[in-house]
Amino acid sequence: MKFVIVGYGRVGTRTCRILSEEGHDVVVVDNDPDRVARARNDGFTVVEGDAENEDVLQEAGIADADAIAALTPDLNANFTACMIGKHNGARTVLRIDEDYREDIYEKYASDVDEVIYPERLGAAGAKTAMLGGDFNVLADVTENLQFSVFEIPEDSKLVGKRVVEVDLPEQARVYAHGPSDGPLTIPLPSTSIDAGDRLAVVVEQTGVDSVRQALTAA
C-alpha cells in the first residue's frame, strides 16, 4: 500500500518506520529543512514543502495513495492536507491534540476517516488507522507493544480456520486480516484463513517469537 505522511516529527518518524518495515511505500511531506534531511537520511522519499498546497501533495503522489496521515502539531494544516487527500480518494487520518475542546474535535472529526491523539496512541494508532483498523480497541497501547504482520504458510494448522479461532499467547491479539494481494481489514466473525493470508497482530515485544510460532506451526 502507498501512504503519504505529513510531518516527520516524533509520531511521523515512528509511523514511517513501522509502515516501511512492513513493506509499504511511504512518502514524507515536510516543510522543515532539518526534518526533511533527517527523513532522507532515514531512506524515505521526501517532498519538501507545505502540505496545505495541493501541488506539493500531488508531487508526493496523493492521486494514487491509499491513505494520508497528517501528523503535524498544526491542526489547521493537518485538516487542509486531509481534505486534499479526501478529494483525491485517499483515506484520511488527522492528528489532533487532546487539549482541544469537544466541539472542535467534532467539527474536524466528521470530515475525516479517523482522528488520532498522539498522547494516547502515537505511531501505532496512526498506522492502524491508515490500514482501516478500529484503533479504539487499542487504547492501552504502550511503548512495550509492537505491531507485526505475519504471513500464513501453506502448511500452517490455521489454514481453513476462522480468524476468531486463532489461539495466541496472552497479551497478543489479531487486529487485522488480509489476503496476500489485498489490504488489511478488520476481520468479521466468519472470516477464514487461507494460505498466504496475512494477520496483523499487536503483541508485547518479548512475545513476537511465540506469536510467530503459533501462526506458522504445522
N, C-alpha and C. Protein backbone atom coordinates (compact mmCIF):
# COMPACT_ATOMS: atom_id res chain seq x y z
N MET A 1 0.84 -1.19 0.00
CA MET A 1 0.00 0.00 0.00
C MET A 1 0.88 1.24 0.00
N LYS A 2 0.34 2.34 -0.49
CA LYS A 2 1.10 3.59 -0.56
C LYS A 2 0.52 4.61 0.39
N PHE A 3 1.38 5.23 1.19
CA PHE A 3 0.94 6.19 2.19
C PHE A 3 1.72 7.49 2.08
N VAL A 4 1.03 8.59 2.29
CA VAL A 4 1.66 9.91 2.40
C VAL A 4 1.61 10.32 3.86
N ILE A 5 2.77 10.62 4.42
CA ILE A 5 2.87 11.04 5.81
C ILE A 5 3.27 12.50 5.86
N VAL A 6 2.40 13.33 6.42
CA VAL A 6 2.68 14.76 6.54
C VAL A 6 3.23 15.01 7.94
N GLY A 7 4.48 15.45 7.99
CA GLY A 7 5.12 15.73 9.27
C GLY A 7 6.06 14.61 9.69
N TYR A 8 7.34 14.94 9.80
CA TYR A 8 8.34 13.94 10.19
C TYR A 8 8.87 14.25 11.59
N GLY A 9 7.92 14.52 12.49
CA GLY A 9 8.28 14.68 13.90
C GLY A 9 8.33 13.33 14.58
N ARG A 10 8.11 13.32 15.89
CA ARG A 10 8.21 12.08 16.64
C ARG A 10 7.22 11.02 16.15
N VAL A 11 5.95 11.39 16.04
CA VAL A 11 4.94 10.43 15.62
C VAL A 11 5.12 10.07 14.16
N GLY A 12 5.37 11.06 13.31
CA GLY A 12 5.56 10.78 11.89
C GLY A 12 6.74 9.88 11.63
N THR A 13 7.83 10.09 12.35
CA THR A 13 9.02 9.26 12.17
C THR A 13 8.73 7.81 12.48
N ARG A 14 8.09 7.57 13.62
CA ARG A 14 7.81 6.19 14.01
C ARG A 14 6.77 5.55 13.09
N THR A 15 5.79 6.32 12.66
CA THR A 15 4.78 5.79 11.74
C THR A 15 5.42 5.37 10.43
N CYS A 16 6.29 6.21 9.89
CA CYS A 16 7.01 5.87 8.64
C CYS A 16 7.83 4.61 8.81
N ARG A 17 8.51 4.52 9.92
CA ARG A 17 9.38 3.36 10.15
C ARG A 17 8.58 2.06 10.23
N ILE A 18 7.46 2.09 10.94
CA ILE A 18 6.63 0.89 11.08
C ILE A 18 6.06 0.48 9.73
N LEU A 19 5.52 1.43 8.97
CA LEU A 19 4.94 1.11 7.67
C LEU A 19 6.00 0.58 6.71
N SER A 20 7.17 1.20 6.72
CA SER A 20 8.24 0.77 5.82
C SER A 20 8.71 -0.64 6.15
N GLU A 21 8.82 -0.94 7.44
CA GLU A 21 9.26 -2.27 7.86
C GLU A 21 8.28 -3.36 7.41
N GLU A 22 7.03 -2.98 7.22
CA GLU A 22 6.02 -3.94 6.79
C GLU A 22 5.86 -3.96 5.27
N GLY A 23 6.72 -3.25 4.56
CA GLY A 23 6.75 -3.34 3.11
C GLY A 23 5.89 -2.34 2.36
N HIS A 24 5.33 -1.37 3.07
CA HIS A 24 4.50 -0.37 2.39
C HIS A 24 5.37 0.74 1.80
N ASP A 25 4.84 1.41 0.77
CA ASP A 25 5.51 2.56 0.18
C ASP A 25 5.14 3.82 0.96
N VAL A 26 6.14 4.57 1.37
CA VAL A 26 5.91 5.75 2.20
C VAL A 26 6.57 6.97 1.56
N VAL A 27 5.81 8.06 1.47
CA VAL A 27 6.35 9.34 1.01
C VAL A 27 6.12 10.36 2.12
N VAL A 28 7.17 11.06 2.49
CA VAL A 28 7.10 12.05 3.57
C VAL A 28 6.94 13.45 2.98
N VAL A 29 6.09 14.26 3.59
CA VAL A 29 5.96 15.67 3.23
C VAL A 29 6.25 16.50 4.47
N ASP A 30 7.20 17.41 4.36
CA ASP A 30 7.53 18.28 5.50
C ASP A 30 8.13 19.56 4.95
N ASN A 31 7.93 20.67 5.67
CA ASN A 31 8.46 21.95 5.21
C ASN A 31 9.65 22.43 6.04
N ASP A 32 10.11 21.59 6.95
CA ASP A 32 11.26 21.96 7.79
C ASP A 32 12.53 21.32 7.22
N PRO A 33 13.52 22.12 6.84
CA PRO A 33 14.73 21.57 6.21
C PRO A 33 15.43 20.50 7.04
N ASP A 34 15.48 20.68 8.36
CA ASP A 34 16.15 19.69 9.21
C ASP A 34 15.40 18.35 9.20
N ARG A 35 14.09 18.41 9.30
CA ARG A 35 13.30 17.16 9.28
C ARG A 35 13.35 16.52 7.91
N VAL A 36 13.36 17.34 6.87
CA VAL A 36 13.48 16.81 5.51
C VAL A 36 14.79 16.05 5.36
N ALA A 37 15.87 16.65 5.84
CA ALA A 37 17.19 16.00 5.75
C ALA A 37 17.21 14.70 6.55
N ARG A 38 16.59 14.72 7.72
CA ARG A 38 16.58 13.53 8.56
C ARG A 38 15.78 12.41 7.90
N ALA A 39 14.65 12.75 7.30
CA ALA A 39 13.83 11.74 6.63
C ALA A 39 14.58 11.14 5.45
N ARG A 40 15.28 11.97 4.71
CA ARG A 40 16.05 11.45 3.58
C ARG A 40 17.20 10.57 4.06
N ASN A 41 17.84 10.98 5.13
CA ASN A 41 18.91 10.16 5.69
C ASN A 41 18.39 8.81 6.19
N ASP A 42 17.12 8.79 6.59
CA ASP A 42 16.50 7.55 7.04
C ASP A 42 16.03 6.69 5.88
N GLY A 43 16.22 7.18 4.66
CA GLY A 43 15.92 6.37 3.48
C GLY A 43 14.55 6.57 2.86
N PHE A 44 13.82 7.61 3.27
CA PHE A 44 12.48 7.82 2.75
C PHE A 44 12.47 8.80 1.58
N THR A 45 11.50 8.61 0.70
CA THR A 45 11.24 9.59 -0.34
C THR A 45 10.58 10.80 0.31
N VAL A 46 11.09 11.99 0.02
CA VAL A 46 10.60 13.18 0.71
C VAL A 46 10.27 14.28 -0.31
N VAL A 47 9.13 14.91 -0.09
CA VAL A 47 8.78 16.11 -0.84
C VAL A 47 8.83 17.27 0.14
N GLU A 48 9.69 18.24 -0.12
CA GLU A 48 9.81 19.38 0.78
C GLU A 48 8.82 20.45 0.38
N GLY A 49 7.99 20.84 1.31
CA GLY A 49 7.00 21.87 1.02
C GLY A 49 5.86 21.85 2.01
N ASP A 50 4.90 22.73 1.78
CA ASP A 50 3.75 22.90 2.65
C ASP A 50 2.63 21.97 2.20
N ALA A 51 2.19 21.07 3.08
CA ALA A 51 1.16 20.10 2.71
C ALA A 51 -0.21 20.74 2.52
N GLU A 52 -0.36 22.01 2.86
CA GLU A 52 -1.61 22.72 2.57
C GLU A 52 -1.69 23.12 1.09
N ASN A 53 -0.59 22.95 0.39
CA ASN A 53 -0.52 23.26 -1.04
C ASN A 53 -0.78 21.97 -1.83
N GLU A 54 -1.85 21.95 -2.60
CA GLU A 54 -2.21 20.73 -3.32
C GLU A 54 -1.13 20.29 -4.29
N ASP A 55 -0.40 21.24 -4.87
CA ASP A 55 0.67 20.87 -5.80
C ASP A 55 1.75 20.05 -5.09
N VAL A 56 2.01 20.38 -3.83
CA VAL A 56 3.01 19.63 -3.06
C VAL A 56 2.53 18.20 -2.84
N LEU A 57 1.27 18.04 -2.48
CA LEU A 57 0.75 16.70 -2.26
C LEU A 57 0.63 15.91 -3.57
N GLN A 58 0.35 16.60 -4.65
CA GLN A 58 0.34 15.91 -5.94
C GLN A 58 1.73 15.38 -6.27
N GLU A 59 2.76 16.17 -5.96
CA GLU A 59 4.13 15.72 -6.19
C GLU A 59 4.45 14.51 -5.31
N ALA A 60 3.82 14.45 -4.14
CA ALA A 60 4.03 13.32 -3.24
C ALA A 60 3.25 12.08 -3.67
N GLY A 61 2.39 12.22 -4.66
CA GLY A 61 1.65 11.07 -5.17
C GLY A 61 0.31 10.84 -4.52
N ILE A 62 -0.33 11.90 -4.03
CA ILE A 62 -1.61 11.73 -3.34
C ILE A 62 -2.68 11.16 -4.26
N ALA A 63 -2.54 11.36 -5.56
CA ALA A 63 -3.56 10.91 -6.51
C ALA A 63 -3.73 9.40 -6.49
N ASP A 64 -2.66 8.65 -6.17
CA ASP A 64 -2.78 7.20 -6.13
C ASP A 64 -2.40 6.61 -4.77
N ALA A 65 -2.42 7.45 -3.75
CA ALA A 65 -2.11 6.98 -2.40
C ALA A 65 -3.34 6.31 -1.78
N ASP A 66 -3.10 5.28 -0.97
CA ASP A 66 -4.20 4.62 -0.27
C ASP A 66 -4.68 5.46 0.91
N ALA A 67 -3.77 6.18 1.54
CA ALA A 67 -4.14 6.99 2.71
C ALA A 67 -3.13 8.09 2.92
N ILE A 68 -3.60 9.13 3.62
CA ILE A 68 -2.72 10.21 4.05
C ILE A 68 -2.91 10.40 5.55
N ALA A 69 -1.80 10.54 6.27
CA ALA A 69 -1.85 10.84 7.70
C ALA A 69 -1.19 12.19 7.90
N ALA A 70 -1.95 13.14 8.40
CA ALA A 70 -1.44 14.48 8.68
C ALA A 70 -1.11 14.54 10.17
N LEU A 71 0.19 14.52 10.50
CA LEU A 71 0.64 14.28 11.86
C LEU A 71 1.45 15.44 12.44
N THR A 72 1.26 16.64 11.91
CA THR A 72 1.98 17.79 12.46
C THR A 72 1.23 18.33 13.68
N PRO A 73 1.85 19.20 14.47
CA PRO A 73 1.14 19.82 15.60
C PRO A 73 0.12 20.88 15.18
N ASP A 74 0.10 21.25 13.91
CA ASP A 74 -0.77 22.30 13.40
C ASP A 74 -2.08 21.69 12.91
N LEU A 75 -3.14 21.82 13.68
CA LEU A 75 -4.42 21.21 13.35
C LEU A 75 -4.97 21.72 12.03
N ASN A 76 -4.90 23.00 11.79
CA ASN A 76 -5.44 23.56 10.54
C ASN A 76 -4.70 23.02 9.32
N ALA A 77 -3.37 22.93 9.43
CA ALA A 77 -2.58 22.39 8.32
C ALA A 77 -2.92 20.91 8.11
N ASN A 78 -3.09 20.19 9.21
CA ASN A 78 -3.44 18.78 9.11
C ASN A 78 -4.79 18.59 8.41
N PHE A 79 -5.75 19.41 8.81
CA PHE A 79 -7.09 19.29 8.24
C PHE A 79 -7.09 19.61 6.75
N THR A 80 -6.37 20.65 6.37
CA THR A 80 -6.31 21.02 4.95
C THR A 80 -5.68 19.90 4.13
N ALA A 81 -4.61 19.32 4.65
CA ALA A 81 -3.95 18.21 3.95
C ALA A 81 -4.91 17.02 3.81
N CYS A 82 -5.66 16.75 4.86
CA CYS A 82 -6.62 15.65 4.80
C CYS A 82 -7.72 15.91 3.77
N MET A 83 -8.18 17.14 3.68
CA MET A 83 -9.22 17.45 2.72
C MET A 83 -8.71 17.30 1.28
N ILE A 84 -7.46 17.64 1.07
CA ILE A 84 -6.87 17.42 -0.26
C ILE A 84 -6.80 15.92 -0.52
N GLY A 85 -6.40 15.17 0.49
CA GLY A 85 -6.34 13.72 0.34
C GLY A 85 -7.72 13.13 0.07
N LYS A 86 -8.72 13.60 0.79
CA LYS A 86 -10.09 13.12 0.61
C LYS A 86 -10.57 13.39 -0.81
N HIS A 87 -10.26 14.57 -1.33
CA HIS A 87 -10.64 14.94 -2.69
C HIS A 87 -10.01 14.00 -3.71
N ASN A 88 -8.85 13.45 -3.37
CA ASN A 88 -8.15 12.54 -4.27
C ASN A 88 -8.46 11.07 -3.98
N GLY A 89 -9.42 10.81 -3.09
CA GLY A 89 -9.85 9.44 -2.84
C GLY A 89 -9.04 8.67 -1.83
N ALA A 90 -8.20 9.34 -1.07
CA ALA A 90 -7.36 8.66 -0.08
C ALA A 90 -8.08 8.60 1.28
N ARG A 91 -7.80 7.58 2.03
CA ARG A 91 -8.26 7.50 3.41
C ARG A 91 -7.53 8.59 4.20
N THR A 92 -8.22 9.24 5.13
CA THR A 92 -7.64 10.39 5.83
C THR A 92 -7.54 10.15 7.33
N VAL A 93 -6.36 10.43 7.87
CA VAL A 93 -6.08 10.27 9.30
C VAL A 93 -5.55 11.60 9.82
N LEU A 94 -6.25 12.17 10.78
CA LEU A 94 -5.95 13.51 11.28
C LEU A 94 -5.41 13.45 12.71
N ARG A 95 -4.28 14.09 12.92
CA ARG A 95 -3.77 14.24 14.29
C ARG A 95 -4.44 15.44 14.95
N ILE A 96 -4.88 15.24 16.18
CA ILE A 96 -5.43 16.33 16.97
C ILE A 96 -4.95 16.15 18.41
N ASP A 97 -4.61 17.22 19.07
CA ASP A 97 -4.14 17.13 20.44
C ASP A 97 -5.31 17.06 21.41
N GLU A 98 -5.09 16.41 22.53
CA GLU A 98 -6.17 16.15 23.48
C GLU A 98 -6.74 17.40 24.14
N ASP A 99 -5.98 18.48 24.13
CA ASP A 99 -6.46 19.65 24.86
C ASP A 99 -7.47 20.49 24.06
N TYR A 100 -7.84 20.05 22.85
CA TYR A 100 -8.87 20.76 22.10
C TYR A 100 -10.25 20.46 22.69
N ARG A 101 -11.13 21.43 22.66
CA ARG A 101 -12.48 21.24 23.17
C ARG A 101 -13.25 20.23 22.33
N GLU A 102 -14.25 19.64 22.94
CA GLU A 102 -15.04 18.61 22.26
C GLU A 102 -15.68 19.13 20.98
N ASP A 103 -16.15 20.38 20.99
CA ASP A 103 -16.80 20.92 19.80
C ASP A 103 -15.81 21.08 18.65
N ILE A 104 -14.55 21.37 18.99
CA ILE A 104 -13.51 21.46 17.96
C ILE A 104 -13.25 20.08 17.37
N TYR A 105 -13.17 19.10 18.25
CA TYR A 105 -12.97 17.72 17.80
C TYR A 105 -14.08 17.31 16.84
N GLU A 106 -15.33 17.56 17.23
CA GLU A 106 -16.46 17.14 16.41
C GLU A 106 -16.47 17.86 15.07
N LYS A 107 -16.05 19.10 15.07
CA LYS A 107 -16.02 19.87 13.83
C LYS A 107 -15.10 19.22 12.80
N TYR A 108 -13.94 18.77 13.26
CA TYR A 108 -12.97 18.18 12.34
C TYR A 108 -13.22 16.70 12.09
N ALA A 109 -13.62 15.97 13.13
CA ALA A 109 -13.73 14.52 13.03
C ALA A 109 -14.78 14.08 12.03
N SER A 110 -15.81 14.89 11.83
CA SER A 110 -16.88 14.50 10.92
C SER A 110 -16.45 14.48 9.46
N ASP A 111 -15.34 15.11 9.14
CA ASP A 111 -14.90 15.21 7.75
C ASP A 111 -13.73 14.31 7.40
N VAL A 112 -13.18 13.58 8.36
CA VAL A 112 -12.06 12.68 8.08
C VAL A 112 -12.43 11.27 8.49
N ASP A 113 -11.62 10.31 8.04
CA ASP A 113 -11.92 8.91 8.36
C ASP A 113 -11.59 8.56 9.80
N GLU A 114 -10.45 9.04 10.27
CA GLU A 114 -10.04 8.73 11.64
C GLU A 114 -9.31 9.92 12.25
N VAL A 115 -9.45 10.06 13.57
CA VAL A 115 -8.70 11.05 14.34
C VAL A 115 -7.82 10.30 15.33
N ILE A 116 -6.56 10.72 15.45
CA ILE A 116 -5.69 10.08 16.43
C ILE A 116 -5.15 11.13 17.40
N TYR A 117 -4.90 10.68 18.59
CA TYR A 117 -4.31 11.51 19.65
C TYR A 117 -2.90 10.99 19.92
N PRO A 118 -1.87 11.72 19.57
CA PRO A 118 -0.50 11.24 19.82
C PRO A 118 -0.26 10.90 21.28
N GLU A 119 -0.92 11.63 22.19
CA GLU A 119 -0.70 11.37 23.60
C GLU A 119 -1.18 9.97 23.99
N ARG A 120 -2.10 9.42 23.23
CA ARG A 120 -2.66 8.11 23.56
C ARG A 120 -2.03 6.99 22.75
N LEU A 121 -2.03 7.16 21.42
CA LEU A 121 -1.66 6.03 20.57
C LEU A 121 -0.43 6.26 19.73
N GLY A 122 -0.12 7.51 19.43
CA GLY A 122 1.07 7.79 18.65
C GLY A 122 1.13 7.05 17.34
N ALA A 123 2.30 6.56 17.01
CA ALA A 123 2.54 5.94 15.71
C ALA A 123 1.71 4.68 15.52
N ALA A 124 1.54 3.91 16.58
CA ALA A 124 0.78 2.67 16.47
C ALA A 124 -0.65 2.97 16.02
N GLY A 125 -1.25 3.98 16.64
CA GLY A 125 -2.60 4.34 16.26
C GLY A 125 -2.68 4.90 14.86
N ALA A 126 -1.69 5.68 14.48
CA ALA A 126 -1.68 6.25 13.13
C ALA A 126 -1.62 5.15 12.09
N LYS A 127 -0.75 4.18 12.31
CA LYS A 127 -0.63 3.10 11.35
C LYS A 127 -1.91 2.30 11.25
N THR A 128 -2.47 1.95 12.38
CA THR A 128 -3.69 1.15 12.39
C THR A 128 -4.83 1.90 11.72
N ALA A 129 -4.94 3.19 11.97
CA ALA A 129 -5.99 3.99 11.36
C ALA A 129 -5.83 4.04 9.85
N MET A 130 -4.62 4.15 9.38
CA MET A 130 -4.37 4.21 7.94
C MET A 130 -4.72 2.90 7.25
N LEU A 131 -4.54 1.79 7.95
CA LEU A 131 -4.87 0.50 7.38
C LEU A 131 -6.36 0.20 7.46
N GLY A 132 -7.11 1.08 8.10
CA GLY A 132 -8.54 0.89 8.18
C GLY A 132 -8.99 0.15 9.42
N GLY A 133 -8.09 -0.03 10.39
CA GLY A 133 -8.44 -0.76 11.58
C GLY A 133 -9.14 0.08 12.62
N ASP A 134 -9.82 -0.61 13.55
CA ASP A 134 -10.50 0.07 14.64
C ASP A 134 -9.52 0.25 15.78
N PHE A 135 -8.76 1.35 15.76
CA PHE A 135 -7.71 1.52 16.76
C PHE A 135 -8.24 1.90 18.13
N ASN A 136 -9.54 2.14 18.26
CA ASN A 136 -10.08 2.48 19.56
C ASN A 136 -9.94 1.33 20.55
N VAL A 137 -9.89 0.10 20.04
CA VAL A 137 -9.74 -1.04 20.94
C VAL A 137 -8.32 -1.16 21.44
N LEU A 138 -7.43 -0.32 20.95
CA LEU A 138 -6.03 -0.40 21.32
C LEU A 138 -5.63 0.75 22.24
N ALA A 139 -6.56 1.22 23.03
CA ALA A 139 -6.32 2.39 23.87
C ALA A 139 -5.26 2.15 24.93
N ASP A 140 -4.92 0.88 25.16
CA ASP A 140 -3.92 0.58 26.19
C ASP A 140 -2.53 0.41 25.60
N VAL A 141 -2.34 0.88 24.34
CA VAL A 141 -1.04 0.74 23.70
C VAL A 141 0.05 1.44 24.50
N THR A 142 1.18 0.78 24.64
CA THR A 142 2.32 1.37 25.32
C THR A 142 3.55 1.16 24.45
N GLU A 143 4.66 1.70 24.90
CA GLU A 143 5.90 1.55 24.16
C GLU A 143 6.37 0.10 24.14
N ASN A 144 5.81 -0.75 25.02
CA ASN A 144 6.23 -2.15 25.09
C ASN A 144 5.51 -3.02 24.07
N LEU A 145 4.53 -2.47 23.37
CA LEU A 145 3.79 -3.23 22.40
C LEU A 145 4.34 -3.01 21.00
N GLN A 146 4.21 -4.05 20.19
CA GLN A 146 4.70 -3.99 18.82
C GLN A 146 3.60 -4.46 17.88
N PHE A 147 3.51 -3.84 16.72
CA PHE A 147 2.55 -4.24 15.70
C PHE A 147 3.32 -4.98 14.61
N SER A 148 2.93 -6.23 14.36
CA SER A 148 3.65 -7.05 13.38
C SER A 148 2.66 -7.74 12.46
N VAL A 149 3.07 -7.96 11.22
CA VAL A 149 2.26 -8.67 10.24
C VAL A 149 2.94 -9.98 9.90
N PHE A 150 2.16 -11.07 9.98
CA PHE A 150 2.69 -12.40 9.73
C PHE A 150 1.96 -13.04 8.56
N GLU A 151 2.72 -13.70 7.68
CA GLU A 151 2.12 -14.43 6.56
C GLU A 151 1.89 -15.88 6.98
N ILE A 152 0.73 -16.41 6.63
CA ILE A 152 0.37 -17.78 7.00
C ILE A 152 0.87 -18.74 5.91
N PRO A 153 1.78 -19.65 6.25
CA PRO A 153 2.30 -20.58 5.24
C PRO A 153 1.28 -21.66 4.89
N GLU A 154 1.51 -22.36 3.78
CA GLU A 154 0.56 -23.36 3.31
C GLU A 154 0.36 -24.49 4.31
N ASP A 155 1.39 -24.84 5.06
CA ASP A 155 1.29 -25.98 5.97
C ASP A 155 0.88 -25.58 7.39
N SER A 156 0.48 -24.33 7.58
CA SER A 156 0.06 -23.89 8.91
C SER A 156 -1.25 -24.58 9.31
N LYS A 157 -1.36 -24.94 10.56
CA LYS A 157 -2.58 -25.58 11.06
C LYS A 157 -3.76 -24.61 11.09
N LEU A 158 -3.49 -23.34 10.87
CA LEU A 158 -4.56 -22.34 10.90
C LEU A 158 -5.31 -22.23 9.57
N VAL A 159 -4.75 -22.78 8.50
CA VAL A 159 -5.40 -22.70 7.19
C VAL A 159 -6.76 -23.38 7.27
N GLY A 160 -7.80 -22.66 6.88
CA GLY A 160 -9.15 -23.19 6.94
C GLY A 160 -9.92 -22.79 8.18
N LYS A 161 -9.22 -22.31 9.19
CA LYS A 161 -9.88 -21.87 10.41
C LYS A 161 -10.35 -20.43 10.28
N ARG A 162 -11.25 -20.04 11.17
CA ARG A 162 -11.68 -18.65 11.21
C ARG A 162 -10.69 -17.83 12.06
N VAL A 163 -10.58 -16.56 11.75
CA VAL A 163 -9.66 -15.70 12.48
C VAL A 163 -9.99 -15.69 13.98
N VAL A 164 -11.28 -15.70 14.31
CA VAL A 164 -11.68 -15.65 15.72
C VAL A 164 -11.26 -16.90 16.48
N GLU A 165 -10.89 -17.95 15.77
CA GLU A 165 -10.46 -19.19 16.42
C GLU A 165 -8.97 -19.24 16.68
N VAL A 166 -8.24 -18.25 16.22
CA VAL A 166 -6.79 -18.23 16.40
C VAL A 166 -6.45 -18.10 17.88
N ASP A 167 -5.66 -19.02 18.38
CA ASP A 167 -5.26 -19.03 19.78
C ASP A 167 -3.85 -18.46 19.90
N LEU A 168 -3.75 -17.25 20.44
CA LEU A 168 -2.46 -16.59 20.57
C LEU A 168 -2.03 -16.52 22.03
N PRO A 169 -0.73 -16.34 22.28
CA PRO A 169 -0.26 -16.17 23.66
C PRO A 169 -0.95 -14.99 24.32
N GLU A 170 -0.95 -14.98 25.63
CA GLU A 170 -1.56 -13.90 26.38
C GLU A 170 -0.93 -12.55 26.00
N GLN A 171 -1.72 -11.50 26.02
CA GLN A 171 -1.31 -10.14 25.69
C GLN A 171 -1.06 -9.94 24.19
N ALA A 172 -1.52 -10.88 23.37
CA ALA A 172 -1.41 -10.72 21.91
C ALA A 172 -2.79 -10.90 21.31
N ARG A 173 -3.09 -10.11 20.28
CA ARG A 173 -4.39 -10.28 19.61
C ARG A 173 -4.30 -9.83 18.16
N VAL A 174 -5.11 -10.48 17.34
CA VAL A 174 -5.20 -10.12 15.93
C VAL A 174 -6.06 -8.88 15.80
N TYR A 175 -5.58 -7.90 15.05
CA TYR A 175 -6.40 -6.70 14.85
C TYR A 175 -6.72 -6.46 13.39
N ALA A 176 -6.14 -7.22 12.46
CA ALA A 176 -6.48 -7.07 11.06
C ALA A 176 -6.09 -8.33 10.29
N HIS A 177 -6.76 -8.52 9.16
CA HIS A 177 -6.52 -9.69 8.31
C HIS A 177 -6.60 -9.25 6.87
N GLY A 178 -5.83 -9.91 6.00
CA GLY A 178 -5.90 -9.58 4.59
C GLY A 178 -5.31 -10.67 3.74
N PRO A 179 -5.78 -10.81 2.51
CA PRO A 179 -5.18 -11.76 1.58
C PRO A 179 -3.82 -11.28 1.13
N SER A 180 -3.07 -12.14 0.50
CA SER A 180 -1.70 -11.78 0.10
C SER A 180 -1.67 -10.61 -0.86
N ASP A 181 -2.75 -10.46 -1.65
CA ASP A 181 -2.77 -9.41 -2.67
C ASP A 181 -3.80 -8.32 -2.39
N GLY A 182 -4.22 -8.21 -1.11
CA GLY A 182 -5.24 -7.23 -0.79
C GLY A 182 -4.91 -6.47 0.48
N PRO A 183 -5.74 -5.50 0.84
CA PRO A 183 -5.49 -4.68 2.03
C PRO A 183 -5.83 -5.42 3.31
N LEU A 184 -5.30 -4.91 4.41
CA LEU A 184 -5.62 -5.44 5.72
C LEU A 184 -6.90 -4.76 6.22
N THR A 185 -7.85 -5.56 6.72
CA THR A 185 -9.10 -5.02 7.23
C THR A 185 -9.47 -5.73 8.53
N ILE A 186 -10.42 -5.16 9.25
CA ILE A 186 -10.91 -5.79 10.47
C ILE A 186 -11.64 -7.08 10.09
N PRO A 187 -11.25 -8.24 10.65
CA PRO A 187 -11.90 -9.49 10.27
C PRO A 187 -13.31 -9.60 10.84
N LEU A 188 -14.21 -10.17 10.06
CA LEU A 188 -15.56 -10.47 10.52
C LEU A 188 -15.55 -11.81 11.25
N PRO A 189 -16.60 -12.13 12.02
CA PRO A 189 -16.64 -13.42 12.72
C PRO A 189 -16.51 -14.62 11.77
N SER A 190 -16.96 -14.43 10.52
CA SER A 190 -16.93 -15.54 9.57
C SER A 190 -15.66 -15.58 8.73
N THR A 191 -14.76 -14.62 8.90
CA THR A 191 -13.56 -14.55 8.07
C THR A 191 -12.66 -15.76 8.31
N SER A 192 -12.35 -16.48 7.24
CA SER A 192 -11.49 -17.66 7.35
C SER A 192 -10.10 -17.36 6.82
N ILE A 193 -9.16 -18.22 7.17
CA ILE A 193 -7.76 -18.02 6.83
C ILE A 193 -7.35 -18.96 5.70
N ASP A 194 -6.77 -18.38 4.67
CA ASP A 194 -6.23 -19.15 3.55
C ASP A 194 -4.71 -19.07 3.57
N ALA A 195 -4.07 -20.03 2.93
CA ALA A 195 -2.61 -20.00 2.81
C ALA A 195 -2.18 -18.71 2.11
N GLY A 196 -1.18 -18.06 2.66
CA GLY A 196 -0.68 -16.81 2.10
C GLY A 196 -1.33 -15.58 2.67
N ASP A 197 -2.42 -15.76 3.42
CA ASP A 197 -3.06 -14.61 4.08
C ASP A 197 -2.11 -13.98 5.08
N ARG A 198 -2.41 -12.71 5.44
CA ARG A 198 -1.61 -12.01 6.44
C ARG A 198 -2.48 -11.67 7.65
N LEU A 199 -1.89 -11.85 8.81
CA LEU A 199 -2.55 -11.47 10.05
C LEU A 199 -1.71 -10.40 10.72
N ALA A 200 -2.35 -9.28 11.06
CA ALA A 200 -1.66 -8.21 11.78
C ALA A 200 -1.98 -8.38 13.26
N VAL A 201 -0.94 -8.40 14.08
CA VAL A 201 -1.08 -8.72 15.49
C VAL A 201 -0.42 -7.64 16.34
N VAL A 202 -1.08 -7.28 17.44
CA VAL A 202 -0.45 -6.41 18.43
C VAL A 202 0.01 -7.32 19.56
N VAL A 203 1.27 -7.19 19.94
CA VAL A 203 1.87 -8.12 20.89
C VAL A 203 2.99 -7.42 21.65
N GLU A 204 3.22 -7.85 22.87
CA GLU A 204 4.37 -7.34 23.60
C GLU A 204 5.64 -7.75 22.86
N GLN A 205 6.63 -6.89 22.88
CA GLN A 205 7.85 -7.14 22.12
C GLN A 205 8.50 -8.47 22.46
N THR A 206 8.39 -8.88 23.71
CA THR A 206 9.01 -10.15 24.11
C THR A 206 8.23 -11.36 23.62
N GLY A 207 7.02 -11.15 23.09
CA GLY A 207 6.20 -12.28 22.68
C GLY A 207 6.11 -12.48 21.19
N VAL A 208 6.87 -11.74 20.41
CA VAL A 208 6.79 -11.84 18.95
C VAL A 208 7.13 -13.24 18.46
N ASP A 209 8.20 -13.84 18.99
CA ASP A 209 8.60 -15.18 18.55
C ASP A 209 7.52 -16.21 18.86
N SER A 210 6.89 -16.09 20.02
CA SER A 210 5.82 -17.04 20.39
C SER A 210 4.63 -16.91 19.45
N VAL A 211 4.29 -15.67 19.07
CA VAL A 211 3.19 -15.46 18.14
C VAL A 211 3.54 -16.04 16.77
N ARG A 212 4.75 -15.80 16.32
CA ARG A 212 5.17 -16.35 15.03
C ARG A 212 5.07 -17.86 15.01
N GLN A 213 5.49 -18.49 16.08
CA GLN A 213 5.42 -19.95 16.17
C GLN A 213 3.95 -20.42 16.15
N ALA A 214 3.08 -19.72 16.85
CA ALA A 214 1.68 -20.11 16.92
C ALA A 214 1.00 -19.99 15.55
N LEU A 215 1.40 -19.01 14.76
CA LEU A 215 0.76 -18.77 13.48
C LEU A 215 1.32 -19.62 12.36
N THR A 216 2.53 -20.08 12.49
CA THR A 216 3.17 -20.80 11.39
C THR A 216 3.32 -22.29 11.63
N ALA A 217 3.03 -22.75 12.86
CA ALA A 217 3.23 -24.18 13.18
C ALA A 217 2.33 -25.06 12.32
N ALA A 218 2.89 -26.17 11.88
CA ALA A 218 2.14 -27.11 11.04
C ALA A 218 1.28 -28.02 11.91
